[in-house]
Structure formats: C-alpha cells, structure tokens
Amino acid sequence: MRTLKTINCGETVTVVKLSGEGAIKRRIMDMGITKGTSIYVRKVAPLGDPVEVTVRGYELSLRKADAEMILVD
C-alpha cells in the first residue's frame, strides 16, 4: 500500500485508510480527506513539501508529514 507522499504528479488515487491519531487525524478528516475519497495530485514541490492536491472540487496543500499518513490505492 502506498502513501499520498509517494504519488506522482497527475495521478488520481483513492483514500484507503488514514493513519495517525487524535487531533492530526481529525484535522485531515476536516479537510475532506476521508476513506473512499478521490484525490488528484496536481503538483509536488521540488523537495516534496508541500504536495498540492484536488479533493472534492477544491485545491489543498498538504505537508509531507500529513501526506505520509494518508494510505491510498
């Protein structure tokens, strides 16, 4: 299973599971990233941080640490 951090630009993936605990997991879910959600990776910064994605019709930038907690397929 891959994490969102490892996905290349232009790929669309589906969220399988969110790892992490408590406030961090809640913050990711509050952004609209939940199990079964489709995520399109728009851009990845040269050093990999941040990752710019499109989720539920809006654009979002995620830190590498947060992207690593999102397991995708």
N, C-alpha and C. Protein backbone atom coordinates (compact mmCIF):
# COMPACT_ATOMS: atom_id res chain seq x y z
N MET A 1 0.84 -1.18 0.00
CA MET A 1 0.00 0.00 0.00
C MET A 1 0.88 1.25 0.00
N ARG A 2 0.49 2.25 -0.78
CA ARG A 2 1.28 3.47 -0.92
C ARG A 2 0.69 4.59 -0.07
N THR A 3 1.53 5.57 0.23
CA THR A 3 1.03 6.77 0.91
C THR A 3 0.91 7.88 -0.11
N LEU A 4 0.15 8.90 0.23
CA LEU A 4 -0.04 10.03 -0.68
C LEU A 4 1.29 10.72 -0.98
N LYS A 5 2.22 10.64 -0.07
CA LYS A 5 3.55 11.26 -0.25
C LYS A 5 4.30 10.66 -1.44
N THR A 6 4.06 9.39 -1.76
CA THR A 6 4.80 8.71 -2.82
C THR A 6 4.15 8.81 -4.21
N ILE A 7 3.00 9.45 -4.31
CA ILE A 7 2.28 9.52 -5.58
C ILE A 7 2.87 10.62 -6.47
N ASN A 8 2.94 10.34 -7.76
CA ASN A 8 3.49 11.29 -8.73
C ASN A 8 2.44 12.29 -9.20
N CYS A 9 2.89 13.40 -9.76
CA CYS A 9 2.00 14.42 -10.32
C CYS A 9 1.12 13.81 -11.40
N GLY A 10 -0.13 14.25 -11.44
CA GLY A 10 -1.04 13.80 -12.49
C GLY A 10 -1.78 12.52 -12.16
N GLU A 11 -1.48 11.88 -11.07
CA GLU A 11 -2.17 10.63 -10.70
C GLU A 11 -3.40 10.93 -9.86
N THR A 12 -4.41 10.10 -10.03
CA THR A 12 -5.61 10.16 -9.20
C THR A 12 -5.66 8.88 -8.39
N VAL A 13 -5.85 9.02 -7.09
CA VAL A 13 -5.86 7.86 -6.19
C VAL A 13 -7.09 7.94 -5.29
N THR A 14 -7.38 6.83 -4.61
CA THR A 14 -8.49 6.75 -3.67
C THR A 14 -7.96 6.48 -2.28
N VAL A 15 -8.48 7.19 -1.30
CA VAL A 15 -8.05 7.01 0.09
C VAL A 15 -8.55 5.66 0.61
N VAL A 16 -7.63 4.87 1.16
CA VAL A 16 -7.97 3.57 1.72
C VAL A 16 -8.07 3.66 3.24
N LYS A 17 -7.13 4.39 3.85
CA LYS A 17 -7.09 4.46 5.31
C LYS A 17 -6.31 5.70 5.74
N LEU A 18 -6.67 6.23 6.90
CA LEU A 18 -5.91 7.33 7.50
C LEU A 18 -5.21 6.79 8.73
N SER A 19 -3.90 6.92 8.74
CA SER A 19 -3.18 6.55 9.96
C SER A 19 -3.05 7.82 10.78
N GLY A 20 -2.40 7.75 11.92
CA GLY A 20 -2.29 8.93 12.77
C GLY A 20 -3.35 8.87 13.86
N GLU A 21 -3.18 9.72 14.83
CA GLU A 21 -4.07 9.70 15.99
C GLU A 21 -4.59 11.08 16.34
N GLY A 22 -5.71 11.09 17.01
CA GLY A 22 -6.25 12.30 17.64
C GLY A 22 -6.41 13.50 16.74
N ALA A 23 -5.83 14.62 17.19
CA ALA A 23 -6.04 15.91 16.53
C ALA A 23 -5.54 15.93 15.09
N ILE A 24 -4.44 15.23 14.83
CA ILE A 24 -3.89 15.22 13.46
C ILE A 24 -4.85 14.52 12.51
N LYS A 25 -5.34 13.37 12.92
CA LYS A 25 -6.28 12.62 12.09
C LYS A 25 -7.57 13.42 11.89
N ARG A 26 -8.05 14.06 12.94
CA ARG A 26 -9.26 14.88 12.87
C ARG A 26 -9.07 16.04 11.89
N ARG A 27 -7.90 16.68 11.91
CA ARG A 27 -7.63 17.80 11.02
C ARG A 27 -7.66 17.36 9.56
N ILE A 28 -7.06 16.19 9.28
CA ILE A 28 -7.07 15.66 7.92
C ILE A 28 -8.50 15.36 7.48
N MET A 29 -9.29 14.77 8.37
CA MET A 29 -10.69 14.47 8.04
C MET A 29 -11.50 15.75 7.84
N ASP A 30 -11.21 16.78 8.62
CA ASP A 30 -11.91 18.06 8.47
C ASP A 30 -11.63 18.72 7.13
N MET A 31 -10.50 18.40 6.51
CA MET A 31 -10.16 18.93 5.18
C MET A 31 -10.93 18.20 4.08
N GLY A 32 -11.69 17.17 4.44
CA GLY A 32 -12.48 16.43 3.46
C GLY A 32 -11.81 15.16 2.98
N ILE A 33 -10.68 14.80 3.57
CA ILE A 33 -9.97 13.59 3.17
C ILE A 33 -10.42 12.45 4.08
N THR A 34 -11.33 11.64 3.55
CA THR A 34 -11.86 10.50 4.30
C THR A 34 -11.77 9.25 3.44
N LYS A 35 -12.01 8.10 4.04
CA LYS A 35 -11.94 6.83 3.32
C LYS A 35 -12.87 6.84 2.11
N GLY A 36 -12.34 6.44 0.95
CA GLY A 36 -13.12 6.38 -0.28
C GLY A 36 -13.07 7.66 -1.11
N THR A 37 -12.47 8.71 -0.60
CA THR A 37 -12.37 9.98 -1.31
C THR A 37 -11.32 9.90 -2.42
N SER A 38 -11.64 10.48 -3.56
CA SER A 38 -10.71 10.52 -4.69
C SER A 38 -9.83 11.76 -4.56
N ILE A 39 -8.51 11.58 -4.77
CA ILE A 39 -7.56 12.69 -4.67
C ILE A 39 -6.73 12.74 -5.95
N TYR A 40 -6.68 13.93 -6.55
CA TYR A 40 -5.86 14.15 -7.74
C TYR A 40 -4.63 14.95 -7.31
N VAL A 41 -3.43 14.43 -7.59
CA VAL A 41 -2.20 15.11 -7.22
C VAL A 41 -1.84 16.09 -8.33
N ARG A 42 -1.94 17.40 -8.04
CA ARG A 42 -1.69 18.44 -9.02
C ARG A 42 -0.21 18.77 -9.15
N LYS A 43 0.45 19.03 -8.03
CA LYS A 43 1.86 19.43 -8.05
C LYS A 43 2.56 18.87 -6.82
N VAL A 44 3.86 18.63 -6.99
CA VAL A 44 4.71 18.28 -5.86
C VAL A 44 5.90 19.23 -5.91
N ALA A 45 6.16 19.90 -4.81
CA ALA A 45 7.28 20.84 -4.75
C ALA A 45 8.59 20.08 -4.99
N PRO A 46 9.63 20.77 -5.45
CA PRO A 46 10.90 20.10 -5.77
C PRO A 46 11.46 19.21 -4.66
N LEU A 47 11.33 19.63 -3.42
CA LEU A 47 11.82 18.80 -2.32
C LEU A 47 10.71 17.95 -1.72
N GLY A 48 9.54 17.94 -2.35
CA GLY A 48 8.44 17.09 -1.91
C GLY A 48 7.54 17.70 -0.86
N ASP A 49 7.77 18.94 -0.49
CA ASP A 49 6.96 19.55 0.55
C ASP A 49 6.62 20.97 0.16
N PRO A 50 5.39 21.37 -0.04
CA PRO A 50 4.16 20.61 0.13
C PRO A 50 3.72 19.88 -1.14
N VAL A 51 2.66 19.10 -0.99
CA VAL A 51 2.02 18.40 -2.09
C VAL A 51 0.70 19.12 -2.34
N GLU A 52 0.45 19.52 -3.58
CA GLU A 52 -0.80 20.21 -3.90
C GLU A 52 -1.76 19.23 -4.55
N VAL A 53 -2.95 19.09 -3.97
CA VAL A 53 -3.93 18.11 -4.43
C VAL A 53 -5.28 18.77 -4.65
N THR A 54 -6.14 18.07 -5.40
CA THR A 54 -7.53 18.48 -5.56
C THR A 54 -8.40 17.41 -4.88
N VAL A 55 -9.20 17.85 -3.92
CA VAL A 55 -10.07 16.96 -3.16
C VAL A 55 -11.47 17.54 -3.14
N ARG A 56 -12.45 16.75 -3.54
CA ARG A 56 -13.86 17.18 -3.51
C ARG A 56 -14.08 18.53 -4.19
N GLY A 57 -13.34 18.79 -5.27
CA GLY A 57 -13.54 20.00 -6.06
C GLY A 57 -12.78 21.23 -5.58
N TYR A 58 -11.97 21.11 -4.55
CA TYR A 58 -11.17 22.26 -4.14
C TYR A 58 -9.70 21.89 -4.02
N GLU A 59 -8.85 22.91 -4.09
CA GLU A 59 -7.41 22.68 -4.05
C GLU A 59 -6.91 22.78 -2.62
N LEU A 60 -5.92 21.95 -2.32
CA LEU A 60 -5.42 21.84 -0.96
C LEU A 60 -3.93 21.56 -1.00
N SER A 61 -3.18 22.18 -0.10
CA SER A 61 -1.75 21.89 0.02
C SER A 61 -1.52 21.13 1.32
N LEU A 62 -0.80 20.04 1.23
CA LEU A 62 -0.54 19.19 2.39
C LEU A 62 0.96 19.11 2.66
N ARG A 63 1.31 19.13 3.92
CA ARG A 63 2.71 18.91 4.29
C ARG A 63 3.07 17.45 4.04
N LYS A 64 4.35 17.20 3.86
CA LYS A 64 4.85 15.84 3.64
C LYS A 64 4.44 14.92 4.79
N ALA A 65 4.55 15.43 6.01
CA ALA A 65 4.21 14.62 7.19
C ALA A 65 2.75 14.21 7.19
N ASP A 66 1.86 15.11 6.75
CA ASP A 66 0.43 14.78 6.68
C ASP A 66 0.15 13.81 5.53
N ALA A 67 0.79 14.03 4.38
CA ALA A 67 0.60 13.16 3.22
C ALA A 67 1.04 11.74 3.51
N GLU A 68 2.01 11.59 4.39
CA GLU A 68 2.51 10.28 4.74
C GLU A 68 1.51 9.45 5.54
N MET A 69 0.56 10.13 6.17
CA MET A 69 -0.45 9.45 6.99
C MET A 69 -1.65 8.98 6.18
N ILE A 70 -1.71 9.35 4.91
CA ILE A 70 -2.85 9.02 4.06
C ILE A 70 -2.49 7.84 3.17
N LEU A 71 -3.06 6.68 3.45
CA LEU A 71 -2.80 5.48 2.65
C LEU A 71 -3.77 5.44 1.48
N VAL A 72 -3.22 5.24 0.28
CA VAL A 72 -4.04 5.30 -0.95
C VAL A 72 -3.82 4.07 -1.81
N ASP A 73 -4.72 3.91 -2.78
CA ASP A 73 -4.66 2.80 -3.71
C ASP A 73 -4.88 3.32 -5.12
